[in-house]
Amino acid sequence: DGVAHFRHPDWDFEFSEFGAAADKPVEREIKEI
């Protein structure tokens, strides 16, 4: 449950669905900003 993130400081990963790990370079750049 991503809403519970505040209770888990050890969650050092991003929440994603299938395909999120295959972000295009332009999408990754905007995410970093």
Full PDB file with SEQRES, HELIX, SHEET, SSBOND, CRYST1, ORIGX, SCALE, CONECT and MASTER records, all heavy atoms in Angstrom:
SEQRES   1 A   33  ASP GLY VAL ALA HIS PHE ARG HIS PRO ASP TRP ASP PHE          
SEQRES   2 A   33  GLU PHE SER GLU PHE GLY ALA ALA ALA ASP LYS PRO VAL          
SEQRES   3 A   33  GLU ARG GLU ILE LYS GLU ILE                                  
HELIX    1 AA1 GLY A    2  ARG A    7  5                                   6    
HELIX    2 AA2 ALA A   20  ALA A   22  5                                   3    
HELIX    3 AA3 PRO A   25  GLU A   32  1                                   8    
CRYST1    1.000    1.000    1.000  90.00  90.00  90.00 P 1           1          
ORIGX1      1.000000  0.000000  0.000000        0.00000                         
ORIGX2      0.000000  1.000000  0.000000        0.00000                         
ORIGX3      0.000000  0.000000  1.000000        0.00000                         
SCALE1      1.000000  0.000000  0.000000        0.00000                         
SCALE2      0.000000  1.000000  0.000000        0.00000                         
SCALE3      0.000000  0.000000  1.000000        0.00000                         
ATOM      1  N   ASP A   1       0.852  -1.186   0.000  1.00  0.00           N  
ATOM      2  CA  ASP A   1       0.000   0.000   0.000  1.00  0.00           C  
ATOM      3  C   ASP A   1       0.888   1.237   0.000  1.00  0.00           C  
ATOM      4  O   ASP A   1       1.472   1.606   1.024  1.00  0.00           O  
ATOM      5  CB  ASP A   1      -0.900  -0.017   1.238  1.00  0.00           C  
ATOM      6  CG  ASP A   1      -1.839   1.175   1.297  1.00  0.00           C  
ATOM      7  OD1 ASP A   1      -1.793   2.011   0.375  1.00  0.00           O  
ATOM      8  OD2 ASP A   1      -2.615   1.275   2.262  1.00  0.00           O  
ATOM      9  N   GLY A   2       1.002   1.905  -1.152  1.00  0.00           N  
ATOM     10  CA  GLY A   2       1.878   3.063  -1.251  1.00  0.00           C  
ATOM     11  C   GLY A   2       1.506   4.196  -0.322  1.00  0.00           C  
ATOM     12  O   GLY A   2       2.360   4.998   0.070  1.00  0.00           O  
ATOM     13  N   VAL A   3       0.227   4.293   0.078  1.00  0.00           N  
ATOM     14  CA  VAL A   3      -0.209   5.353   0.989  1.00  0.00           C  
ATOM     15  C   VAL A   3       0.456   5.208   2.353  1.00  0.00           C  
ATOM     16  O   VAL A   3       0.598   6.176   3.100  1.00  0.00           O  
ATOM     17  CB  VAL A   3      -1.744   5.332   1.122  1.00  0.00           C  
ATOM     18  CG1 VAL A   3      -2.227   6.389   2.098  1.00  0.00           C  
ATOM     19  CG2 VAL A   3      -2.394   5.540  -0.248  1.00  0.00           C  
ATOM     20  N   ALA A   4       0.899   3.988   2.687  1.00  0.00           N  
ATOM     21  CA  ALA A   4       1.526   3.731   3.990  1.00  0.00           C  
ATOM     22  C   ALA A   4       3.024   4.007   3.977  1.00  0.00           C  
ATOM     23  O   ALA A   4       3.726   3.653   4.930  1.00  0.00           O  
ATOM     24  CB  ALA A   4       1.270   2.286   4.403  1.00  0.00           C  
ATOM     25  N   HIS A   5       3.512   4.652   2.947  1.00  0.00           N  
ATOM     26  CA  HIS A   5       4.954   4.875   2.798  1.00  0.00           C  
ATOM     27  C   HIS A   5       5.539   5.592   4.019  1.00  0.00           C  
ATOM     28  O   HIS A   5       6.680   5.319   4.439  1.00  0.00           O  
ATOM     29  CB  HIS A   5       5.212   5.695   1.527  1.00  0.00           C  
ATOM     30  CG  HIS A   5       6.625   5.651   1.063  1.00  0.00           C  
ATOM     31  ND1 HIS A   5       7.639   6.326   1.702  1.00  0.00           N  
ATOM     32  CD2 HIS A   5       7.206   5.004   0.020  1.00  0.00           C  
ATOM     33  CE1 HIS A   5       8.775   6.110   1.070  1.00  0.00           C  
ATOM     34  NE2 HIS A   5       8.541   5.304   0.047  1.00  0.00           N  
ATOM     35  N   PHE A   6       4.773   6.509   4.623  1.00  0.00           N  
ATOM     36  CA  PHE A   6       5.283   7.293   5.753  1.00  0.00           C  
ATOM     37  C   PHE A   6       5.609   6.424   6.967  1.00  0.00           C  
ATOM     38  O   PHE A   6       6.385   6.825   7.834  1.00  0.00           O  
ATOM     39  CB  PHE A   6       4.266   8.369   6.153  1.00  0.00           C  
ATOM     40  CG  PHE A   6       3.021   7.832   6.820  1.00  0.00           C  
ATOM     41  CD1 PHE A   6       2.906   7.822   8.203  1.00  0.00           C  
ATOM     42  CD2 PHE A   6       1.969   7.342   6.060  1.00  0.00           C  
ATOM     43  CE1 PHE A   6       1.762   7.325   8.810  1.00  0.00           C  
ATOM     44  CE2 PHE A   6       0.824   6.841   6.660  1.00  0.00           C  
ATOM     45  CZ  PHE A   6       0.720   6.841   8.042  1.00  0.00           C  
ATOM     46  N   ARG A   7       5.057   5.221   7.027  1.00  0.00           N  
ATOM     47  CA  ARG A   7       5.335   4.324   8.154  1.00  0.00           C  
ATOM     48  C   ARG A   7       6.555   3.450   7.903  1.00  0.00           C  
ATOM     49  O   ARG A   7       6.959   2.687   8.788  1.00  0.00           O  
ATOM     50  CB  ARG A   7       4.127   3.416   8.419  1.00  0.00           C  
ATOM     51  CG  ARG A   7       2.955   4.113   9.062  1.00  0.00           C  
ATOM     52  CD  ARG A   7       2.030   3.099   9.731  1.00  0.00           C  
ATOM     53  NE  ARG A   7       1.292   2.317   8.761  1.00  0.00           N  
ATOM     54  CZ  ARG A   7       0.064   2.597   8.356  1.00  0.00           C  
ATOM     55  NH1 ARG A   7      -0.554   3.668   8.818  1.00  0.00           N  
ATOM     56  NH2 ARG A   7      -0.558   1.827   7.477  1.00  0.00           N  
ATOM     57  N   HIS A   8       7.138   3.560   6.712  1.00  0.00           N  
ATOM     58  CA  HIS A   8       8.207   2.641   6.335  1.00  0.00           C  
ATOM     59  C   HIS A   8       9.410   3.395   5.750  1.00  0.00           C  
ATOM     60  O   HIS A   8       9.590   3.423   4.525  1.00  0.00           O  
ATOM     61  CB  HIS A   8       7.688   1.612   5.335  1.00  0.00           C  
ATOM     62  CG  HIS A   8       6.548   0.801   5.851  1.00  0.00           C  
ATOM     63  ND1 HIS A   8       6.733  -0.326   6.630  1.00  0.00           N  
ATOM     64  CD2 HIS A   8       5.206   0.964   5.737  1.00  0.00           C  
ATOM     65  CE1 HIS A   8       5.550  -0.831   6.947  1.00  0.00           C  
ATOM     66  NE2 HIS A   8       4.611  -0.064   6.424  1.00  0.00           N  
ATOM     67  N   PRO A   9      10.229   4.002   6.581  1.00  0.00           N  
ATOM     68  CA  PRO A   9      11.406   4.714   6.068  1.00  0.00           C  
ATOM     69  C   PRO A   9      12.383   3.798   5.337  1.00  0.00           C  
ATOM     70  O   PRO A   9      13.242   4.274   4.598  1.00  0.00           O  
ATOM     71  CB  PRO A   9      12.040   5.295   7.346  1.00  0.00           C  
ATOM     72  CG  PRO A   9      11.510   4.456   8.473  1.00  0.00           C  
ATOM     73  CD  PRO A   9      10.129   4.068   8.048  1.00  0.00           C  
ATOM     74  N   ASP A  10      12.263   2.485   5.541  1.00  0.00           N  
ATOM     75  CA  ASP A  10      13.152   1.544   4.853  1.00  0.00           C  
ATOM     76  C   ASP A  10      12.695   1.248   3.428  1.00  0.00           C  
ATOM     77  O   ASP A  10      13.421   0.596   2.667  1.00  0.00           O  
ATOM     78  CB  ASP A  10      13.235   0.227   5.642  1.00  0.00           C  
ATOM     79  CG  ASP A  10      11.862  -0.411   5.845  1.00  0.00           C  
ATOM     80  OD1 ASP A  10      10.900   0.326   6.148  1.00  0.00           O  
ATOM     81  OD2 ASP A  10      11.750  -1.639   5.718  1.00  0.00           O  
ATOM     82  N   TRP A  11      11.533   1.728   3.023  1.00  0.00           N  
ATOM     83  CA  TRP A  11      11.079   1.537   1.646  1.00  0.00           C  
ATOM     84  C   TRP A  11      11.847   2.502   0.740  1.00  0.00           C  
ATOM     85  O   TRP A  11      11.421   3.640   0.536  1.00  0.00           O  
ATOM     86  CB  TRP A  11       9.574   1.794   1.524  1.00  0.00           C  
ATOM     87  CG  TRP A  11       8.710   0.709   2.109  1.00  0.00           C  
ATOM     88  CD1 TRP A  11       9.107  -0.407   2.756  1.00  0.00           C  
ATOM     89  CD2 TRP A  11       7.276   0.671   2.106  1.00  0.00           C  
ATOM     90  NE1 TRP A  11       8.022  -1.146   3.152  1.00  0.00           N  
ATOM     91  CE2 TRP A  11       6.887  -0.516   2.763  1.00  0.00           C  
ATOM     92  CE3 TRP A  11       6.284   1.511   1.615  1.00  0.00           C  
ATOM     93  CZ2 TRP A  11       5.562  -0.877   2.947  1.00  0.00           C  
ATOM     94  CZ3 TRP A  11       4.968   1.166   1.789  1.00  0.00           C  
ATOM     95  CH2 TRP A  11       4.601  -0.018   2.442  1.00  0.00           C  
ATOM     96  N   ASP A  12      12.955   2.053   0.208  1.00  0.00           N  
ATOM     97  CA  ASP A  12      13.818   2.916  -0.602  1.00  0.00           C  
ATOM     98  C   ASP A  12      13.659   2.613  -2.090  1.00  0.00           C  
ATOM     99  O   ASP A  12      14.593   2.755  -2.873  1.00  0.00           O  
ATOM    100  CB  ASP A  12      15.285   2.749  -0.188  1.00  0.00           C  
ATOM    101  CG  ASP A  12      15.764   1.312  -0.310  1.00  0.00           C  
ATOM    102  OD1 ASP A  12      14.936   0.424  -0.592  1.00  0.00           O  
ATOM    103  OD2 ASP A  12      16.976   1.074  -0.126  1.00  0.00           O  
ATOM    104  N   PHE A  13      12.458   2.195  -2.493  1.00  0.00           N  
ATOM    105  CA  PHE A  13      12.208   1.835  -3.877  1.00  0.00           C  
ATOM    106  C   PHE A  13      11.004   2.621  -4.393  1.00  0.00           C  
ATOM    107  O   PHE A  13      10.227   3.174  -3.618  1.00  0.00           O  
ATOM    108  CB  PHE A  13      11.923   0.336  -4.005  1.00  0.00           C  
ATOM    109  CG  PHE A  13      10.939  -0.174  -2.981  1.00  0.00           C  
ATOM    110  CD1 PHE A  13       9.580  -0.029  -3.159  1.00  0.00           C  
ATOM    111  CD2 PHE A  13      11.402  -0.778  -1.807  1.00  0.00           C  
ATOM    112  CE1 PHE A  13       8.685  -0.483  -2.205  1.00  0.00           C  
ATOM    113  CE2 PHE A  13      10.509  -1.232  -0.849  1.00  0.00           C  
ATOM    114  CZ  PHE A  13       9.146  -1.083  -1.044  1.00  0.00           C  
ATOM    115  N   GLU A  14      10.882   2.695  -5.718  1.00  0.00           N  
ATOM    116  CA  GLU A  14       9.752   3.366  -6.336  1.00  0.00           C  
ATOM    117  C   GLU A  14       8.628   2.365  -6.584  1.00  0.00           C  
ATOM    118  O   GLU A  14       8.874   1.214  -6.917  1.00  0.00           O  
ATOM    119  CB  GLU A  14      10.158   4.006  -7.666  1.00  0.00           C  
ATOM    120  CG  GLU A  14      11.118   5.164  -7.511  1.00  0.00           C  
ATOM    121  CD  GLU A  14      11.369   5.852  -8.831  1.00  0.00           C  
ATOM    122  OE1 GLU A  14      10.622   5.588  -9.798  1.00  0.00           O  
ATOM    123  OE2 GLU A  14      12.309   6.657  -8.896  1.00  0.00           O  
ATOM    124  N   PHE A  15       7.395   2.837  -6.435  1.00  0.00           N  
ATOM    125  CA  PHE A  15       6.242   2.005  -6.748  1.00  0.00           C  
ATOM    126  C   PHE A  15       5.977   2.098  -8.243  1.00  0.00           C  
ATOM    127  O   PHE A  15       6.009   3.179  -8.827  1.00  0.00           O  
ATOM    128  CB  PHE A  15       5.013   2.493  -5.971  1.00  0.00           C  
ATOM    129  CG  PHE A  15       5.011   2.063  -4.536  1.00  0.00           C  
ATOM    130  CD1 PHE A  15       5.882   2.632  -3.625  1.00  0.00           C  
ATOM    131  CD2 PHE A  15       4.154   1.075  -4.107  1.00  0.00           C  
ATOM    132  CE1 PHE A  15       5.898   2.232  -2.305  1.00  0.00           C  
ATOM    133  CE2 PHE A  15       4.156   0.661  -2.784  1.00  0.00           C  
ATOM    134  CZ  PHE A  15       5.036   1.241  -1.885  1.00  0.00           C  
ATOM    135  N   SER A  16       5.730   0.961  -8.873  1.00  0.00           N  
ATOM    136  CA  SER A  16       5.533   0.978 -10.313  1.00  0.00           C  
ATOM    137  C   SER A  16       4.716  -0.219 -10.758  1.00  0.00           C  
ATOM    138  O   SER A  16       4.647  -1.239 -10.080  1.00  0.00           O  
ATOM    139  CB  SER A  16       6.877   0.966 -11.044  1.00  0.00           C  
ATOM    140  OG  SER A  16       7.585  -0.225 -10.754  1.00  0.00           O  
ATOM    141  N   GLU A  17       4.106  -0.041 -11.939  1.00  0.00           N  
ATOM    142  CA  GLU A  17       3.432  -1.137 -12.604  1.00  0.00           C  
ATOM    143  C   GLU A  17       4.342  -1.656 -13.708  1.00  0.00           C  
ATOM    144  O   GLU A  17       5.421  -1.123 -13.954  1.00  0.00           O  
ATOM    145  CB  GLU A  17       2.100  -0.660 -13.203  1.00  0.00           C  
ATOM    146  CG  GLU A  17       1.128  -0.141 -12.153  1.00  0.00           C  
ATOM    147  CD  GLU A  17       0.667  -1.204 -11.174  1.00  0.00           C  
ATOM    148  OE1 GLU A  17       0.672  -2.395 -11.539  1.00  0.00           O  
ATOM    149  OE2 GLU A  17       0.298  -0.850 -10.048  1.00  0.00           O  
ATOM    150  N   PHE A  18       3.910  -2.688 -14.397  1.00  0.00           N  
ATOM    151  CA  PHE A  18       4.716  -3.247 -15.469  1.00  0.00           C  
ATOM    152  C   PHE A  18       5.021  -2.175 -16.504  1.00  0.00           C  
ATOM    153  O   PHE A  18       4.156  -1.444 -16.938  1.00  0.00           O  
ATOM    154  CB  PHE A  18       3.996  -4.403 -16.153  1.00  0.00           C  
ATOM    155  CG  PHE A  18       4.693  -4.908 -17.387  1.00  0.00           C  
ATOM    156  CD1 PHE A  18       6.025  -5.274 -17.332  1.00  0.00           C  
ATOM    157  CD2 PHE A  18       4.029  -4.987 -18.583  1.00  0.00           C  
ATOM    158  CE1 PHE A  18       6.677  -5.749 -18.454  1.00  0.00           C  
ATOM    159  CE2 PHE A  18       4.663  -5.461 -19.716  1.00  0.00           C  
ATOM    160  CZ  PHE A  18       5.993  -5.839 -19.650  1.00  0.00           C  
ATOM    161  N   GLY A  19       6.272  -2.091 -16.918  1.00  0.00           N  
ATOM    162  CA  GLY A  19       6.687  -1.121 -17.918  1.00  0.00           C  
ATOM    163  C   GLY A  19       7.337   0.101 -17.325  1.00  0.00           C  
ATOM    164  O   GLY A  19       8.052   0.820 -18.009  1.00  0.00           O  
ATOM    165  N   ALA A  20       7.102   0.370 -16.009  1.00  0.00           N  
ATOM    166  CA  ALA A  20       7.685   1.563 -15.418  1.00  0.00           C  
ATOM    167  C   ALA A  20       9.201   1.520 -15.436  1.00  0.00           C  
ATOM    168  O   ALA A  20       9.860   2.536 -15.573  1.00  0.00           O  
ATOM    169  CB  ALA A  20       7.187   1.735 -13.982  1.00  0.00           C  
ATOM    170  N   ALA A  21       9.776   0.304 -15.293  1.00  0.00           N  
ATOM    171  CA  ALA A  21      11.234   0.195 -15.311  1.00  0.00           C  
ATOM    172  C   ALA A  21      11.813   0.451 -16.697  1.00  0.00           C  
ATOM    173  O   ALA A  21      13.005   0.613 -16.851  1.00  0.00           O  
ATOM    174  CB  ALA A  21      11.657  -1.188 -14.824  1.00  0.00           C  
ATOM    175  N   ALA A  22      10.924   0.487 -17.707  1.00  0.00           N  
ATOM    176  CA  ALA A  22      11.386   0.709 -19.075  1.00  0.00           C  
ATOM    177  C   ALA A  22      11.125   2.149 -19.515  1.00  0.00           C  
ATOM    178  O   ALA A  22      10.849   2.418 -20.677  1.00  0.00           O  
ATOM    179  CB  ALA A  22      10.689  -0.264 -20.018  1.00  0.00           C  
ATOM    180  N   ASP A  23      11.175   3.093 -18.570  1.00  0.00           N  
ATOM    181  CA  ASP A  23      10.962   4.494 -18.902  1.00  0.00           C  
ATOM    182  C   ASP A  23      11.868   4.939 -20.038  1.00  0.00           C  
ATOM    183  O   ASP A  23      13.045   4.578 -20.097  1.00  0.00           O  
ATOM    184  CB  ASP A  23      11.263   5.380 -17.681  1.00  0.00           C  
ATOM    185  CG  ASP A  23      10.160   5.322 -16.645  1.00  0.00           C  
ATOM    186  OD1 ASP A  23       9.045   4.924 -16.995  1.00  0.00           O  
ATOM    187  OD2 ASP A  23      10.428   5.684 -15.491  1.00  0.00           O  
ATOM    188  N   LYS A  24      11.311   5.766 -20.899  1.00  0.00           N  
ATOM    189  CA  LYS A  24      12.120   6.377 -21.938  1.00  0.00           C  
ATOM    190  C   LYS A  24      13.023   7.431 -21.302  1.00  0.00           C  
ATOM    191  O   LYS A  24      12.706   7.970 -20.234  1.00  0.00           O  
ATOM    192  CB  LYS A  24      11.219   6.993 -22.995  1.00  0.00           C  
ATOM    193  CG  LYS A  24      10.382   5.959 -23.745  1.00  0.00           C  
ATOM    194  CD  LYS A  24       9.444   6.624 -24.719  1.00  0.00           C  
ATOM    195  CE  LYS A  24       8.723   5.574 -25.562  1.00  0.00           C  
ATOM    196  NZ  LYS A  24       7.914   4.659 -24.736  1.00  0.00           N  
ATOM    197  N   PRO A  25      14.145   7.757 -21.946  1.00  0.00           N  
ATOM    198  CA  PRO A  25      15.060   8.763 -21.373  1.00  0.00           C  
ATOM    199  C   PRO A  25      14.374  10.081 -21.037  1.00  0.00           C  
ATOM    200  O   PRO A  25      14.674  10.687 -20.003  1.00  0.00           O  
ATOM    201  CB  PRO A  25      16.107   8.930 -22.480  1.00  0.00           C  
ATOM    202  CG  PRO A  25      16.133   7.604 -23.174  1.00  0.00           C  
ATOM    203  CD  PRO A  25      14.701   7.133 -23.160  1.00  0.00           C  
ATOM    204  N   VAL A  26      13.446  10.534 -21.885  1.00  0.00           N  
ATOM    205  CA  VAL A  26      12.770  11.802 -21.608  1.00  0.00           C  
ATOM    206  C   VAL A  26      11.909  11.704 -20.359  1.00  0.00           C  
ATOM    207  O   VAL A  26      11.801  12.661 -19.580  1.00  0.00           O  
ATOM    208  CB  VAL A  26      11.919  12.261 -22.808  1.00  0.00           C  
ATOM    209  CG1 VAL A  26      12.808  12.614 -23.992  1.00  0.00           C  
ATOM    210  CG2 VAL A  26      10.890  11.208 -23.208  1.00  0.00           C  
ATOM    211  N   GLU A  27      11.302  10.539 -20.140  1.00  0.00           N  
ATOM    212  CA  GLU A  27      10.486  10.351 -18.942  1.00  0.00           C  
ATOM    213  C   GLU A  27      11.357  10.318 -17.695  1.00  0.00           C  
ATOM    214  O   GLU A  27      11.005  10.892 -16.653  1.00  0.00           O  
ATOM    215  CB  GLU A  27       9.677   9.052 -19.063  1.00  0.00           C  
ATOM    216  CG  GLU A  27       8.650   9.087 -20.180  1.00  0.00           C  
ATOM    217  CD  GLU A  27       8.016   7.733 -20.439  1.00  0.00           C  
ATOM    218  OE1 GLU A  27       8.693   6.709 -20.221  1.00  0.00           O  
ATOM    219  OE2 GLU A  27       6.855   7.701 -20.873  1.00  0.00           O  
ATOM    220  N   ARG A  28      12.504   9.654 -17.787  1.00  0.00           N  
ATOM    221  CA  ARG A  28      13.419   9.605 -16.637  1.00  0.00           C  
ATOM    222  C   ARG A  28      13.928  10.995 -16.292  1.00  0.00           C  
ATOM    223  O   ARG A  28      14.067  11.340 -15.105  1.00  0.00           O  
ATOM    224  CB  ARG A  28      14.586   8.666 -16.938  1.00  0.00           C  
ATOM    225  CG  ARG A  28      14.209   7.197 -16.963  1.00  0.00           C  
ATOM    226  CD  ARG A  28      15.441   6.312 -16.861  1.00  0.00           C  
ATOM    227  NE  ARG A  28      16.307   6.450 -18.017  1.00  0.00           N  
ATOM    228  CZ  ARG A  28      16.207   5.711 -19.113  1.00  0.00           C  
ATOM    229  NH1 ARG A  28      15.257   4.786 -19.206  1.00  0.00           N  
ATOM    230  NH2 ARG A  28      17.040   5.871 -20.118  1.00  0.00           N  
ATOM    231  N   GLU A  29      14.210  11.795 -17.303  1.00  0.00           N  
ATOM    232  CA  GLU A  29      14.711  13.150 -17.050  1.00  0.00           C  
ATOM    233  C   GLU A  29      13.680  13.988 -16.296  1.00  0.00           C  
ATOM    234  O   GLU A  29      14.012  14.703 -15.357  1.00  0.00           O  
ATOM    235  CB  GLU A  29      15.073  13.824 -18.374  1.00  0.00           C  
ATOM    236  CG  GLU A  29      15.713  15.185 -18.194  1.00  0.00           C  
ATOM    237  CD  GLU A  29      16.165  15.799 -19.504  1.00  0.00           C  
ATOM    238  OE1 GLU A  29      16.459  15.040 -20.451  1.00  0.00           O  
ATOM    239  OE2 GLU A  29      16.211  17.046 -19.581  1.00  0.00           O  
ATOM    240  N   ILE A  30      12.427  13.884 -16.710  1.00  0.00           N  
ATOM    241  CA  ILE A  30      11.371  14.630 -16.024  1.00  0.00           C  
ATOM    242  C   ILE A  30      11.172  14.110 -14.602  1.00  0.00           C  
ATOM    243  O   ILE A  30      10.939  14.888 -13.661  1.00  0.00           O  
ATOM    244  CB  ILE A  30      10.056  14.557 -16.827  1.00  0.00           C  
ATOM    245  CG1 ILE A  30      10.217  15.262 -18.179  1.00  0.00           C  
ATOM    246  CG2 ILE A  30       8.909  15.186 -16.046  1.00  0.00           C  
ATOM    247  CD1 ILE A  30      10.632  16.713 -18.085  1.00  0.00           C  
ATOM    248  N   LYS A  31      11.275  12.793 -14.414  1.00  0.00           N  
ATOM    249  CA  LYS A  31      11.163  12.231 -13.062  1.00  0.00           C  
ATOM    250  C   LYS A  31      12.248  12.780 -12.144  1.00  0.00           C  
ATOM    251  O   LYS A  31      12.007  13.069 -10.969  1.00  0.00           O  
ATOM    252  CB  LYS A  31      11.263  10.703 -13.114  1.00  0.00           C  
ATOM    253  CG  LYS A  31       9.964  10.001 -13.445  1.00  0.00           C  
ATOM    254  CD  LYS A  31      10.110   8.498 -13.287  1.00  0.00           C  
ATOM    255  CE  LYS A  31       8.795   7.786 -13.529  1.00  0.00           C  
ATOM    256  NZ  LYS A  31       8.910   6.320 -13.353  1.00  0.00           N  
ATOM    257  N   GLU A  32      13.457  12.901 -12.657  1.00  0.00           N  
ATOM    258  CA  GLU A  32      14.554  13.411 -11.843  1.00  0.00           C  
ATOM    259  C   GLU A  32      14.313  14.868 -11.465  1.00  0.00           C  
ATOM    260  O   GLU A  32      14.604  15.286 -10.345  1.00  0.00           O  
ATOM    261  CB  GLU A  32      15.882  13.258 -12.596  1.00  0.00           C  
ATOM    262  CG  GLU A  32      16.369  11.829 -12.704  1.00  0.00           C  
ATOM    263  CD  GLU A  32      16.500  11.159 -11.343  1.00  0.00           C  
ATOM    264  OE1 GLU A  32      17.112  11.769 -10.434  1.00  0.00           O  
ATOM    265  OE2 GLU A  32      15.982  10.039 -11.170  1.00  0.00           O  
ATOM    266  N   ILE A  33      13.791  15.669 -12.381  1.00  0.00           N  
ATOM    267  CA  ILE A  33      13.463  17.053 -12.072  1.00  0.00           C  
ATOM    268  C   ILE A  33      12.355  17.105 -11.031  1.00  0.00           C  
ATOM    269  O   ILE A  33      12.405  17.890 -10.069  1.00  0.00           O  
ATOM    270  CB  ILE A  33      13.052  17.810 -13.346  1.00  0.00           C  
ATOM    271  CG1 ILE A  33      14.246  17.937 -14.293  1.00  0.00           C  
ATOM    272  CG2 ILE A  33      12.486  19.187 -13.010  1.00  0.00           C  
ATOM    273  CD1 ILE A  33      13.902  18.518 -15.648  1.00  0.00           C  
TER     274      ILE A  33                                                      
MASTER        0    0    0    3    0    0    0    6  273    1    0    3          
END                                                                             
